[in-house]
């Protein structure tokens, strides 16, 4: 992901009266109708956000790091696809969900074909109201920003594994809870780091998987587009500070406000309502361009570890992951 502009993201009071007619013979008092108590709305059970486990999410990141590098055309890329499919299958067995869908195609760059795969898991597929929750799973091919070893593999604990961990743990928790009011499509995009798998290290960087998905929306949404989309990237930083991205505010301002309000109540130290001073280009961009109100959740301020060999598990925090995951869980159940 890169910045688009400046370099670098809510009794009735019962009364009674008695009338005494002193000079008239006593007579039976007319029956009085007792006021009926007002119907009270049925209390909704409290959402068990504590089911969302940051340590489980950390374990997912640890698993993914075993496949480094996870860039296109590497063994780790296919291992990552297989891992996400297997983890989703465990969850989908407990829910009324479609099997995992693999959206495959060939992307060509300079005449060379690249085998691409977006991974889609649809919860409550019969629900006409759809919400996309997305991330990317590919990593950059090398730690180009590393001063000492710029050609070494870039682990990508934060920059790509953290988003996958948030989605997989959210899917697991949803399988344990009553269904939310919307159907959820978890989408894991391929090729977010661009055709050279260098992300911001490539001046011609552009995501691949999300534009392809956006161009084939009718395959999944033949009549009505999803109501909104939330995209997650770089969300496990131990010193997590999430600020709204201006392009997200332009696309889905109401949803950004809702998500950040929930976030501030859930983890006030991790959310800041002051927008980023620059707009971000990430997988939300293609979805927004396709007419889906979309927003990005990212902490792009990840120095000095960003795209270096130091983007490792120890830079991540279970607390930060819980801040994001528990906020997302509440957001999906919000009116």
Protein backbone atom coordinates (compact mmCIF):
# COMPACT_ATOMS: atom_id res chain seq x y z
CA UNK A 1 0.00 0.00 0.00
CA UNK A 2 1.11 3.54 -0.66
CA UNK A 3 -0.12 7.06 -0.03
CA UNK A 4 -1.93 8.71 -2.93
CA UNK A 5 -0.85 12.25 -2.22
CA UNK A 6 1.64 13.39 0.40
CA UNK A 7 4.23 10.70 1.04
CA UNK A 8 4.50 8.63 3.52
CA UNK A 9 -4.62 6.87 6.98
CA UNK A 10 -24.54 7.26 18.93
CA UNK A 11 -44.08 6.02 32.96
CA UNK A 12 -46.54 6.79 32.26
CA UNK A 13 -47.47 8.02 35.71
CA UNK A 14 -50.43 6.09 37.01
CA UNK A 15 -52.99 8.31 38.71
CA UNK A 16 -56.17 7.66 40.67
CA UNK A 17 -58.88 9.92 41.94
CA UNK A 18 -61.81 9.55 44.38
CA UNK A 19 -65.00 11.53 44.16
CA UNK A 20 -67.25 11.71 47.27
CA UNK A 21 -70.84 12.87 46.76
CA UNK A 22 -71.75 13.63 50.38
CA UNK A 23 -75.50 14.23 50.07
CA UNK A 24 -76.37 11.33 47.80
CA UNK A 25 -77.00 7.72 48.84
CA UNK A 26 -74.02 5.59 48.46
CA UNK A 27 -73.89 3.62 45.26
CA UNK A 28 -71.44 1.12 43.93
CA UNK A 29 -68.40 2.76 42.45
CA UNK A 30 -67.94 2.18 38.75
CA UNK A 31 -65.23 -0.24 37.87
CA UNK A 32 -62.02 1.53 36.99
CA UNK A 33 -59.80 0.37 34.18
CA UNK A 34 -56.26 -0.13 35.36
CA UNK A 35 -53.63 1.31 33.01
CA UNK A 36 -51.63 -1.33 31.21
CA UNK A 37 -47.86 -1.23 31.55
CA UNK A 38 -46.03 -0.24 28.38
CA UNK A 39 -44.37 -3.03 26.47
CA UNK A 40 -40.63 -2.95 26.99
CA UNK A 41 -38.28 -3.83 24.16
CA UNK A 42 -36.64 -7.18 24.62
CA UNK A 43 -33.10 -6.77 25.84
CA UNK A 44 -30.49 -8.00 23.39
CA UNK A 45 -27.90 -10.38 24.78
CA UNK A 46 -24.53 -8.73 25.30
CA UNK A 47 -22.06 -9.48 22.53
CA UNK A 48 -19.29 -11.72 23.83
CA UNK A 49 -16.40 -9.75 22.47
CA UNK A 50 -14.01 -11.52 24.84
CA UNK A 51 -14.31 -14.59 22.61
CA UNK A 52 -12.08 -12.72 20.15
CA UNK A 53 -8.66 -13.90 21.27
CA UNK A 54 -5.54 -11.92 20.46
CA UNK A 55 -3.27 -14.83 21.30
CA UNK A 56 -5.05 -16.98 18.71
CA UNK A 57 -4.54 -14.24 16.17
CA UNK A 58 -0.86 -14.04 17.09
CA UNK A 59 -0.59 -17.78 16.48
CA UNK A 60 -1.99 -17.29 12.97
CA UNK A 61 0.72 -14.73 12.26
CA UNK A 62 3.32 -17.16 13.54
CA UNK A 63 1.96 -19.87 11.24
CA UNK A 64 2.06 -17.59 8.20
CA UNK A 65 5.64 -16.53 8.85
CA UNK A 66 6.69 -20.15 8.30
CA UNK A 67 5.77 -19.68 4.62
CA UNK A 68 7.93 -16.58 4.02
CA UNK A 69 8.22 -15.28 1.39
CA UNK A 70 4.53 -15.32 0.43
CA UNK A 71 4.85 -13.27 -2.73
CA UNK A 72 3.49 -14.36 -6.10
CA UNK A 73 5.13 -17.32 -7.80
CA UNK A 74 6.77 -18.64 -4.59
CA UNK A 75 6.12 -21.88 -2.72
CA UNK A 76 5.01 -19.83 0.29
CA UNK A 77 2.31 -18.15 -1.79
CA UNK A 78 0.52 -21.46 -2.45
CA UNK A 79 1.15 -22.65 1.12
CA UNK A 80 -0.59 -19.51 2.36
CA UNK A 81 -3.60 -20.15 0.13
CA UNK A 82 -3.83 -23.73 1.40
CA UNK A 83 -3.51 -22.57 5.02
CA UNK A 84 -6.29 -19.95 4.74
CA UNK A 85 -8.57 -22.49 3.02
CA UNK A 86 -7.97 -25.07 5.77
CA UNK A 87 -8.56 -22.57 8.59
CA UNK A 88 -11.77 -21.31 6.99
CA UNK A 89 -12.99 -24.87 6.44
CA UNK A 90 -12.82 -25.50 10.22
CA UNK A 91 -15.08 -22.50 10.77
CA UNK A 92 -17.47 -23.02 7.87
CA UNK A 93 -18.28 -26.53 9.09
CA UNK A 94 -20.02 -24.89 12.10
CA UNK A 95 -22.03 -22.34 10.12
CA UNK A 96 -24.57 -22.09 7.33
CA UNK A 97 -21.97 -20.91 4.88
CA UNK A 98 -20.88 -21.66 1.36
CA UNK A 99 -17.69 -23.64 0.87
CA UNK A 100 -14.56 -21.58 0.36
CA UNK A 101 -14.52 -20.08 -3.14
CA UNK A 102 -11.29 -19.66 -5.07
CA UNK A 103 -11.40 -16.94 -7.71
CA UNK A 104 -8.56 -17.90 -10.06
CA UNK A 105 -7.18 -16.09 -13.09
CA UNK A 106 -3.91 -15.41 -14.86
CA UNK A 107 -2.37 -11.96 -14.61
CA UNK A 108 0.16 -11.01 -17.27
CA UNK A 109 3.00 -8.59 -16.76
CA UNK A 110 5.62 -7.99 -19.44
CA UNK A 111 4.31 -11.08 -21.19
CA UNK A 112 4.81 -13.29 -18.15
CA UNK A 113 1.71 -15.01 -16.68
CA UNK A 114 1.14 -15.05 -12.92
CA UNK A 115 -1.30 -17.52 -11.34
CA UNK A 116 -3.58 -15.43 -9.10
CA UNK A 117 -6.12 -16.49 -6.47
CA UNK A 118 -8.60 -14.47 -4.42
CA UNK A 119 -10.13 -16.43 -1.53
CA UNK A 120 -13.79 -15.80 -0.60
CA UNK A 121 -15.76 -17.22 2.35
CA UNK A 122 -19.46 -16.27 2.49
CA UNK A 123 -21.27 -16.35 5.85
CA UNK A 124 -25.11 -16.50 5.71
CA UNK A 125 -25.06 -16.54 1.89
CA UNK A 126 -28.88 -16.35 1.68
CA UNK A 127 -28.92 -13.00 3.48
CA UNK A 128 -29.43 -10.35 0.75
CA UNK A 129 -27.62 -7.74 2.84
CA UNK A 130 -23.89 -8.20 2.22
CA UNK A 131 -20.81 -6.68 3.83
CA UNK A 132 -17.26 -7.28 2.64
CA UNK A 133 -14.49 -7.73 5.20
CA UNK A 134 -11.19 -7.93 3.37
CA UNK A 135 -7.41 -8.05 3.56
CA UNK A 136 -4.53 -9.24 1.39
CA UNK A 137 -2.40 -12.33 1.97
CA UNK A 138 0.58 -11.83 -0.33
CA UNK A 139 3.81 -10.35 0.97
CA UNK A 140 6.56 -8.37 -0.71
CA UNK A 141 9.32 -10.46 -2.21
CA UNK A 142 12.27 -8.89 -0.38
CA UNK A 143 13.12 -6.47 2.41
CA UNK A 144 14.08 -3.66 0.04
CA UNK A 145 14.09 -1.02 2.83
CA UNK A 146 16.52 -2.96 4.97
CA UNK A 147 19.80 -1.06 5.22
CA UNK A 148 21.93 -4.17 5.65
CA UNK A 149 20.14 -6.94 3.74
CA UNK A 150 17.76 -5.40 1.18
CA UNK A 151 17.58 -8.64 -0.81
CA UNK A 152 16.64 -10.83 2.17
CA UNK A 153 13.07 -12.16 2.55
CA UNK A 154 10.68 -9.74 4.24
CA UNK A 155 8.79 -11.68 6.97
CA UNK A 156 5.65 -9.51 6.87
CA UNK A 157 4.24 -10.13 10.34
CA UNK A 158 2.44 -6.78 10.27
CA UNK A 159 2.43 -6.11 6.54
CA UNK A 160 0.16 -8.76 5.42
CA UNK A 161 -0.10 -11.45 8.09
CA UNK A 162 -1.91 -9.24 10.62
CA UNK A 163 -4.89 -8.65 8.32
CA UNK A 164 -5.24 -12.37 7.62
CA UNK A 165 -5.13 -13.05 11.38
CA UNK A 166 -7.90 -10.52 12.04
CA UNK A 167 -10.19 -12.06 9.41
CA UNK A 168 -9.59 -15.68 10.42
CA UNK A 169 -10.14 -15.02 14.13
CA UNK A 170 -13.28 -12.96 13.38
CA UNK A 171 -14.65 -15.79 11.25
CA UNK A 172 -13.97 -18.26 14.07
CA UNK A 173 -15.79 -16.11 16.64
CA UNK A 174 -18.76 -15.51 14.33
CA UNK A 175 -19.21 -19.28 14.10
CA UNK A 176 -19.79 -19.32 17.89
CA UNK A 177 -22.33 -16.46 18.00
CA UNK A 178 -25.86 -15.81 16.71
CA UNK A 179 -25.78 -14.55 13.14
CA UNK A 180 -25.36 -10.78 12.72
CA UNK A 181 -27.99 -8.81 10.78
CA UNK A 182 -25.88 -8.89 7.62
CA UNK A 183 -24.27 -11.62 5.57
CA UNK A 184 -20.50 -11.33 5.59
CA UNK A 185 -18.11 -12.03 2.76
CA UNK A 186 -14.53 -12.51 3.94
CA UNK A 187 -12.26 -11.75 1.01
CA UNK A 188 -8.51 -12.43 0.98
CA UNK A 189 -6.98 -10.57 -1.95
CA UNK A 190 -3.97 -11.74 -3.89
CA UNK A 191 -1.39 -9.45 -5.41
CA UNK A 192 -1.94 -6.34 -3.29
CA UNK A 193 1.79 -5.70 -3.37
CA UNK A 194 1.72 -5.25 -7.15
CA UNK A 195 3.18 -6.98 -10.16
CA UNK A 196 6.75 -6.84 -8.82
CA UNK A 197 5.70 -7.81 -5.27
CA UNK A 198 7.44 -4.73 -3.94
CA UNK A 199 4.48 -2.65 -2.78
CA UNK A 200 5.58 0.94 -2.21
CA UNK A 201 9.05 -0.05 -3.40
CA UNK A 202 7.73 -0.15 -6.97
CA UNK A 203 7.02 3.31 -8.48
CA UNK A 204 4.39 1.67 -10.71
CA UNK A 205 2.80 -0.23 -7.84
CA UNK A 206 -0.90 -1.10 -8.20
CA UNK A 207 -2.90 -3.84 -6.46
CA UNK A 208 -3.98 -6.74 -8.67
CA UNK A 209 -6.49 -8.89 -6.77
CA UNK A 210 -8.94 -6.24 -5.59
CA UNK A 211 -9.43 -4.64 -9.03
CA UNK A 212 -10.04 -8.08 -10.51
CA UNK A 213 -12.64 -8.85 -7.80
CA UNK A 214 -14.27 -5.45 -8.29
CA UNK A 215 -14.44 -6.08 -12.05
CA UNK A 216 -16.27 -9.36 -11.48
CA UNK A 217 -18.75 -8.30 -8.80
CA UNK A 218 -21.68 -9.80 -10.70
CA UNK A 219 -20.21 -13.25 -10.15
CA UNK A 220 -21.05 -12.82 -6.45
CA UNK A 221 -23.62 -10.00 -6.42
CA UNK A 222 -25.80 -10.39 -9.55
CA UNK A 223 -28.45 -7.85 -8.53
CA UNK A 224 -27.33 -5.76 -5.54
CA UNK A 225 -23.87 -4.61 -4.53
CA UNK A 226 -22.64 -5.04 -0.98
CA UNK A 227 -23.69 -2.31 1.44
CA UNK A 228 -20.10 -1.56 2.47
CA UNK A 229 -16.60 -2.92 2.75
CA UNK A 230 -13.96 -2.78 5.49
CA UNK A 231 -10.34 -3.53 4.58
CA UNK A 232 -7.63 -4.35 7.13
CA UNK A 233 -3.88 -4.01 6.67
CA UNK A 234 -0.97 -3.52 9.08
CA UNK A 235 -2.97 -3.74 12.34
CA UNK A 236 -0.80 -5.60 14.86
CA UNK A 237 1.81 -2.94 15.71
CA UNK A 238 2.58 -2.95 19.44
CA UNK A 239 2.24 0.84 19.40
CA UNK A 240 -1.04 0.88 17.49
CA UNK A 241 -2.51 4.25 16.45
CA UNK A 242 -5.33 4.01 13.93
CA UNK A 243 -6.38 7.20 12.15
CA UNK A 244 -9.07 7.53 9.47
CA UNK A 245 -7.82 7.64 5.91
CA UNK A 246 -9.14 10.64 3.91
CA UNK A 247 -10.07 8.51 0.89
CA UNK A 248 -12.07 6.25 3.22
CA UNK A 249 -13.89 9.27 4.63
CA UNK A 250 -14.75 10.34 1.08
CA UNK A 251 -16.07 6.89 0.19
CA UNK A 252 -17.73 5.80 3.45
CA UNK A 253 -17.72 8.65 5.94
CA UNK A 254 -20.68 7.36 7.96
CA UNK A 255 -19.10 3.93 8.29
CA UNK A 256 -15.72 5.37 9.26
CA UNK A 257 -17.42 7.41 12.00
CA UNK A 258 -19.27 4.33 13.28
CA UNK A 259 -16.19 2.11 13.29
CA UNK A 260 -13.98 4.66 15.02
CA UNK A 261 -16.65 5.47 17.65
CA UNK A 262 -16.83 1.77 18.53
CA UNK A 263 -13.04 1.57 18.49
CA UNK A 264 -12.59 4.49 20.89
CA UNK A 265 -15.01 2.89 23.35
CA UNK A 266 -13.28 -0.48 23.00
CA UNK A 267 -9.61 0.52 22.94
CA UNK A 268 -9.24 4.30 23.33
CA UNK A 269 -5.45 4.27 23.17
CA UNK A 270 -5.48 2.57 19.74
CA UNK A 271 -7.93 4.84 17.90
CA UNK A 272 -7.57 8.50 16.98
CA UNK A 273 -10.31 10.44 15.18
CA UNK A 274 -7.82 12.86 13.61
CA UNK A 275 -7.50 11.85 9.94
CA UNK A 276 -4.21 10.97 8.32
CA UNK A 277 -2.60 13.90 6.49
CA UNK A 278 -2.48 11.85 3.27
CA UNK A 279 -4.82 9.52 1.38
CA UNK A 280 -4.01 5.83 1.11
CA UNK A 281 -4.11 3.56 -1.92
CA UNK A 282 -4.95 0.01 -0.87
CA UNK A 283 -7.50 -2.69 -1.63
CA UNK A 284 -10.38 -0.45 -0.51
CA UNK A 285 -9.66 1.83 -3.49
CA UNK A 286 -10.89 -0.60 -6.15
CA UNK A 287 -14.00 -1.45 -4.14
CA UNK A 288 -14.81 2.23 -3.67
CA UNK A 289 -14.31 2.86 -7.39
CA UNK A 290 -16.83 0.06 -8.07
CA UNK A 291 -19.47 1.93 -6.06
CA UNK A 292 -19.15 0.13 -2.73
CA UNK A 293 -18.70 2.46 0.27
CA UNK A 294 -15.32 1.23 1.49
CA UNK A 295 -12.84 2.13 4.20
CA UNK A 296 -9.36 1.11 5.23
CA UNK A 297 -8.14 0.30 8.74
CA UNK A 298 -4.36 0.67 8.82
CA UNK A 299 -1.53 1.97 10.95
CA UNK A 300 0.95 3.00 8.28
CA UNK A 301 3.32 4.55 10.79
CA UNK A 302 5.53 1.50 11.28
CA UNK A 303 9.05 2.81 11.31
CA UNK A 304 11.74 1.60 11.36
CA UNK A 305 10.38 -1.88 10.63
CA UNK A 306 8.25 -1.26 7.51
CA UNK A 307 9.24 -3.62 4.69
CA UNK A 308 12.47 -4.67 6.39
CA UNK A 309 13.70 -7.94 7.86
CA UNK A 310 12.53 -6.59 11.24
CA UNK A 311 8.79 -6.93 10.46
CA UNK A 312 8.62 -9.93 12.79
CA UNK A 313 6.23 -11.43 15.34
CA UNK A 314 7.81 -9.63 18.30
CA UNK A 315 6.75 -6.29 16.77
CA UNK A 316 3.10 -7.41 17.04
CA UNK A 317 0.78 -7.36 20.05
CA UNK A 318 -2.20 -9.54 21.03
CA UNK A 319 -3.67 -6.42 22.67
CA UNK A 320 -3.50 -4.47 19.41
CA UNK A 321 -5.09 -7.32 17.48
CA UNK A 322 -7.90 -7.53 20.07
CA UNK A 323 -8.47 -3.78 19.79
CA UNK A 324 -9.09 -4.18 16.06
CA UNK A 325 -10.87 -7.54 16.11
CA UNK A 326 -13.27 -6.72 18.95
CA UNK A 327 -14.11 -3.40 17.32
CA UNK A 328 -14.82 -5.19 14.04
CA UNK A 329 -17.01 -7.75 15.80
CA UNK A 330 -19.16 -5.02 17.38
CA UNK A 331 -19.30 -3.11 14.10
CA UNK A 332 -20.73 -6.13 12.27
CA UNK A 333 -23.58 -6.38 14.81
CA UNK A 334 -24.25 -2.62 14.94
CA UNK A 335 -27.51 -1.29 13.40
